[in-house]
N, C-alpha and C. Protein backbone atom coordinates (compact mmCIF):
# COMPACT_ATOMS: atom_id res chain seq x y z
N MET A 1 -0.53 28.85 102.81
CA MET A 1 -1.19 29.25 101.60
C MET A 1 -0.67 30.60 101.12
N GLY A 2 0.33 30.60 100.33
CA GLY A 2 0.84 31.86 99.80
C GLY A 2 0.45 32.03 98.35
N THR A 3 0.60 33.23 97.89
CA THR A 3 0.33 33.47 96.48
C THR A 3 1.61 33.23 95.70
N LYS A 4 1.44 32.78 94.48
CA LYS A 4 2.61 32.54 93.64
C LYS A 4 3.22 33.87 93.23
N LYS A 5 4.53 33.93 93.29
CA LYS A 5 5.23 35.13 92.84
C LYS A 5 5.36 35.08 91.32
N PHE A 6 5.06 36.18 90.67
CA PHE A 6 5.13 36.24 89.22
C PHE A 6 6.58 36.13 88.75
N LYS A 7 6.79 35.33 87.71
CA LYS A 7 8.09 35.23 87.05
C LYS A 7 7.88 35.49 85.57
N PRO A 8 8.70 36.35 84.97
CA PRO A 8 8.60 36.52 83.52
C PRO A 8 8.72 35.16 82.83
N HIS A 9 7.93 34.97 81.78
CA HIS A 9 7.95 33.71 81.06
C HIS A 9 7.38 33.91 79.65
N ALA A 10 7.51 32.89 78.84
CA ALA A 10 7.01 32.93 77.46
C ALA A 10 6.21 31.68 77.18
N THR A 11 5.24 31.82 76.28
CA THR A 11 4.45 30.67 75.83
C THR A 11 4.48 30.64 74.30
N PHE A 12 4.37 29.43 73.76
CA PHE A 12 4.39 29.23 72.32
C PHE A 12 3.09 28.60 71.89
N ASP A 13 2.47 29.15 70.84
CA ASP A 13 1.24 28.60 70.28
C ASP A 13 1.55 28.14 68.86
N ALA A 14 1.72 26.83 68.68
CA ALA A 14 2.10 26.28 67.38
C ALA A 14 1.04 26.55 66.32
N GLY A 15 -0.22 26.47 66.68
CA GLY A 15 -1.30 26.70 65.72
C GLY A 15 -1.32 28.10 65.17
N SER A 16 -0.91 29.06 65.98
CA SER A 16 -0.88 30.46 65.55
C SER A 16 0.51 30.90 65.13
N ASP A 17 1.52 30.04 65.31
CA ASP A 17 2.92 30.38 65.04
C ASP A 17 3.28 31.68 65.75
N ALA A 18 2.96 31.70 67.06
CA ALA A 18 3.15 32.92 67.85
C ALA A 18 3.76 32.60 69.21
N ILE A 19 4.47 33.59 69.73
CA ILE A 19 5.02 33.53 71.09
C ILE A 19 4.50 34.76 71.83
N TYR A 20 4.12 34.56 73.09
CA TYR A 20 3.80 35.69 73.95
C TYR A 20 4.78 35.67 75.10
N VAL A 21 5.44 36.82 75.32
CA VAL A 21 6.40 36.96 76.41
C VAL A 21 5.73 37.83 77.49
N TYR A 22 5.58 37.25 78.66
CA TYR A 22 5.00 37.93 79.82
C TYR A 22 6.15 38.55 80.61
N LEU A 23 6.16 39.87 80.74
CA LEU A 23 7.28 40.54 81.42
C LEU A 23 6.96 41.03 82.82
N VAL A 24 5.75 41.54 83.03
CA VAL A 24 5.35 42.00 84.37
C VAL A 24 3.91 41.56 84.63
N ASP A 25 3.58 41.46 85.89
CA ASP A 25 2.23 41.08 86.31
C ASP A 25 1.44 42.36 86.55
N ALA A 26 0.77 42.83 85.51
CA ALA A 26 -0.02 44.05 85.60
C ALA A 26 -1.13 43.98 84.56
N PRO A 27 -2.23 44.65 84.81
CA PRO A 27 -3.30 44.67 83.82
C PRO A 27 -2.86 45.44 82.56
N VAL A 28 -3.34 44.99 81.42
CA VAL A 28 -3.05 45.68 80.16
C VAL A 28 -3.99 46.88 80.04
N ASP A 29 -3.41 48.05 79.80
CA ASP A 29 -4.18 49.27 79.63
C ASP A 29 -4.36 49.61 78.15
N HIS A 30 -3.29 49.44 77.39
CA HIS A 30 -3.37 49.73 75.95
C HIS A 30 -2.35 48.90 75.20
N THR A 31 -2.54 48.82 73.89
CA THR A 31 -1.73 47.97 73.02
C THR A 31 -1.24 48.77 71.83
N ALA A 32 -0.02 48.46 71.39
CA ALA A 32 0.54 49.08 70.19
C ALA A 32 1.05 47.97 69.27
N SER A 33 0.97 48.22 67.98
CA SER A 33 1.44 47.24 66.99
C SER A 33 2.49 47.89 66.09
N PRO A 34 3.74 47.91 66.55
CA PRO A 34 4.80 48.48 65.71
C PRO A 34 5.22 47.49 64.63
N GLY A 35 4.60 47.56 63.48
CA GLY A 35 4.88 46.60 62.42
C GLY A 35 3.84 45.50 62.40
N ASP A 36 4.07 44.53 61.55
CA ASP A 36 3.09 43.46 61.35
C ASP A 36 3.29 42.25 62.24
N VAL A 37 4.44 42.13 62.88
CA VAL A 37 4.74 40.88 63.58
C VAL A 37 4.94 41.03 65.08
N ARG A 38 4.66 42.20 65.64
CA ARG A 38 4.79 42.41 67.08
C ARG A 38 3.60 43.19 67.60
N VAL A 39 3.09 42.75 68.73
CA VAL A 39 2.02 43.46 69.43
C VAL A 39 2.51 43.65 70.86
N ILE A 40 2.56 44.90 71.31
CA ILE A 40 3.10 45.20 72.64
C ILE A 40 1.97 45.70 73.54
N ASP A 41 1.82 45.05 74.69
CA ASP A 41 0.82 45.42 75.68
C ASP A 41 1.48 46.25 76.78
N TYR A 42 0.84 47.38 77.12
CA TYR A 42 1.38 48.31 78.12
C TYR A 42 0.43 48.43 79.32
N SER A 43 1.01 48.64 80.48
CA SER A 43 0.22 48.92 81.68
C SER A 43 -0.15 50.41 81.69
N LYS A 44 -1.00 50.77 82.62
CA LYS A 44 -1.43 52.16 82.73
C LYS A 44 -0.26 53.10 82.99
N ASP A 45 0.77 52.61 83.71
CA ASP A 45 1.91 53.45 84.01
C ASP A 45 3.02 53.37 82.96
N GLY A 46 2.72 52.72 81.81
CA GLY A 46 3.65 52.72 80.68
C GLY A 46 4.63 51.58 80.62
N ARG A 47 4.57 50.66 81.59
CA ARG A 47 5.46 49.50 81.54
C ARG A 47 4.97 48.51 80.48
N ILE A 48 5.93 47.79 79.88
CA ILE A 48 5.54 46.74 78.94
C ILE A 48 5.13 45.51 79.75
N VAL A 49 3.87 45.13 79.59
CA VAL A 49 3.33 43.96 80.28
C VAL A 49 3.76 42.69 79.55
N GLY A 50 3.67 42.74 78.22
CA GLY A 50 4.03 41.59 77.43
C GLY A 50 4.12 41.93 75.96
N ILE A 51 4.71 41.02 75.21
CA ILE A 51 4.90 41.22 73.77
C ILE A 51 4.50 39.94 73.05
N GLU A 52 3.66 40.08 72.03
CA GLU A 52 3.30 38.95 71.19
C GLU A 52 4.10 39.05 69.89
N PHE A 53 4.76 37.97 69.56
CA PHE A 53 5.50 37.87 68.31
C PHE A 53 4.74 36.92 67.39
N LEU A 54 4.44 37.38 66.18
CA LEU A 54 3.68 36.59 65.22
C LEU A 54 4.59 36.08 64.11
N GLY A 55 4.23 34.95 63.53
CA GLY A 55 5.03 34.39 62.43
C GLY A 55 6.42 34.01 62.87
N VAL A 56 6.55 33.38 64.03
CA VAL A 56 7.87 33.14 64.61
C VAL A 56 8.69 32.06 63.91
N ALA A 57 8.07 31.29 63.01
CA ALA A 57 8.84 30.29 62.27
C ALA A 57 9.93 30.97 61.45
N GLY A 58 9.72 32.22 61.07
CA GLY A 58 10.71 32.99 60.33
C GLY A 58 11.68 33.73 61.23
N GLY A 59 11.57 33.54 62.55
CA GLY A 59 12.44 34.21 63.50
C GLY A 59 11.73 35.39 64.16
N VAL A 60 12.36 35.93 65.19
CA VAL A 60 11.81 37.10 65.88
C VAL A 60 12.85 38.21 65.91
N ASP A 61 12.37 39.42 65.74
CA ASP A 61 13.23 40.59 65.71
C ASP A 61 13.12 41.31 67.06
N LEU A 62 14.23 41.36 67.78
CA LEU A 62 14.25 42.02 69.08
C LEU A 62 14.86 43.41 69.02
N SER A 63 15.26 43.84 67.84
CA SER A 63 15.85 45.18 67.75
C SER A 63 14.84 46.22 68.20
N ASP A 64 15.31 47.23 68.81
CA ASP A 64 14.56 48.37 69.34
C ASP A 64 13.61 48.02 70.49
N LEU A 65 13.75 46.84 71.08
CA LEU A 65 12.93 46.49 72.25
C LEU A 65 13.76 46.61 73.52
N PRO A 66 13.18 47.15 74.58
CA PRO A 66 13.88 47.15 75.86
C PRO A 66 13.92 45.73 76.41
N SER A 67 14.80 45.46 77.31
CA SER A 67 14.91 44.14 77.96
C SER A 67 15.18 43.02 76.96
N ARG A 68 15.95 43.33 75.91
CA ARG A 68 16.22 42.33 74.87
C ARG A 68 16.83 41.06 75.43
N SER A 69 17.78 41.18 76.34
CA SER A 69 18.44 39.98 76.85
C SER A 69 17.46 39.10 77.62
N THR A 70 16.56 39.70 78.39
CA THR A 70 15.54 38.94 79.11
C THR A 70 14.61 38.25 78.13
N ILE A 71 14.14 38.97 77.13
CA ILE A 71 13.22 38.41 76.14
C ILE A 71 13.90 37.28 75.37
N GLU A 72 15.14 37.48 74.99
CA GLU A 72 15.87 36.44 74.27
C GLU A 72 15.99 35.17 75.11
N LYS A 73 16.30 35.31 76.40
CA LYS A 73 16.42 34.14 77.26
C LYS A 73 15.08 33.43 77.40
N LEU A 74 14.00 34.17 77.58
CA LEU A 74 12.69 33.56 77.74
C LEU A 74 12.27 32.80 76.48
N ILE A 75 12.58 33.35 75.32
CA ILE A 75 12.26 32.66 74.06
C ILE A 75 13.14 31.43 73.91
N SER A 76 14.41 31.56 74.24
CA SER A 76 15.34 30.42 74.15
C SER A 76 14.91 29.30 75.09
N ASP A 77 14.36 29.65 76.26
CA ASP A 77 13.91 28.65 77.23
C ASP A 77 12.78 27.77 76.68
N LEU A 78 12.09 28.26 75.65
CA LEU A 78 11.02 27.47 75.04
C LEU A 78 11.56 26.27 74.25
N ALA A 79 12.85 26.29 73.93
CA ALA A 79 13.51 25.21 73.19
C ALA A 79 12.78 24.88 71.89
N ARG A 80 12.49 25.90 71.12
CA ARG A 80 11.78 25.72 69.85
C ARG A 80 12.67 26.03 68.66
N ASN A 81 13.96 26.29 68.90
CA ASN A 81 14.91 26.61 67.84
C ASN A 81 14.43 27.76 66.96
N ILE A 82 13.94 28.80 67.60
CA ILE A 82 13.47 29.98 66.87
C ILE A 82 14.63 30.95 66.74
N GLU A 83 14.88 31.37 65.52
CA GLU A 83 15.99 32.30 65.26
C GLU A 83 15.64 33.67 65.84
N ILE A 84 16.63 34.27 66.48
CA ILE A 84 16.44 35.58 67.09
C ILE A 84 17.35 36.58 66.40
N PHE A 85 16.75 37.69 65.96
CA PHE A 85 17.49 38.78 65.33
C PHE A 85 17.50 39.93 66.33
N ALA A 86 18.66 40.58 66.47
CA ALA A 86 18.73 41.68 67.43
C ALA A 86 19.37 42.89 66.84
């Protein structure tokens, strides 16, 4: 009986036209909304826990985000043909 090891992953919510990318397994301490289409959750020690992208039918903008290549891969793994801008 072991515990599952956390793996970064993404989920897609068609009803909300949103993607949430889970980057680390940590409690959310605070949230920032840089612009209208991204919500970034931070841990107490300043790490990005996850990022919510809204209105993804129009694509997602990864510019100015750390770990862009990881985020791009996780979104691509969803196989939703979402355009990625970097």
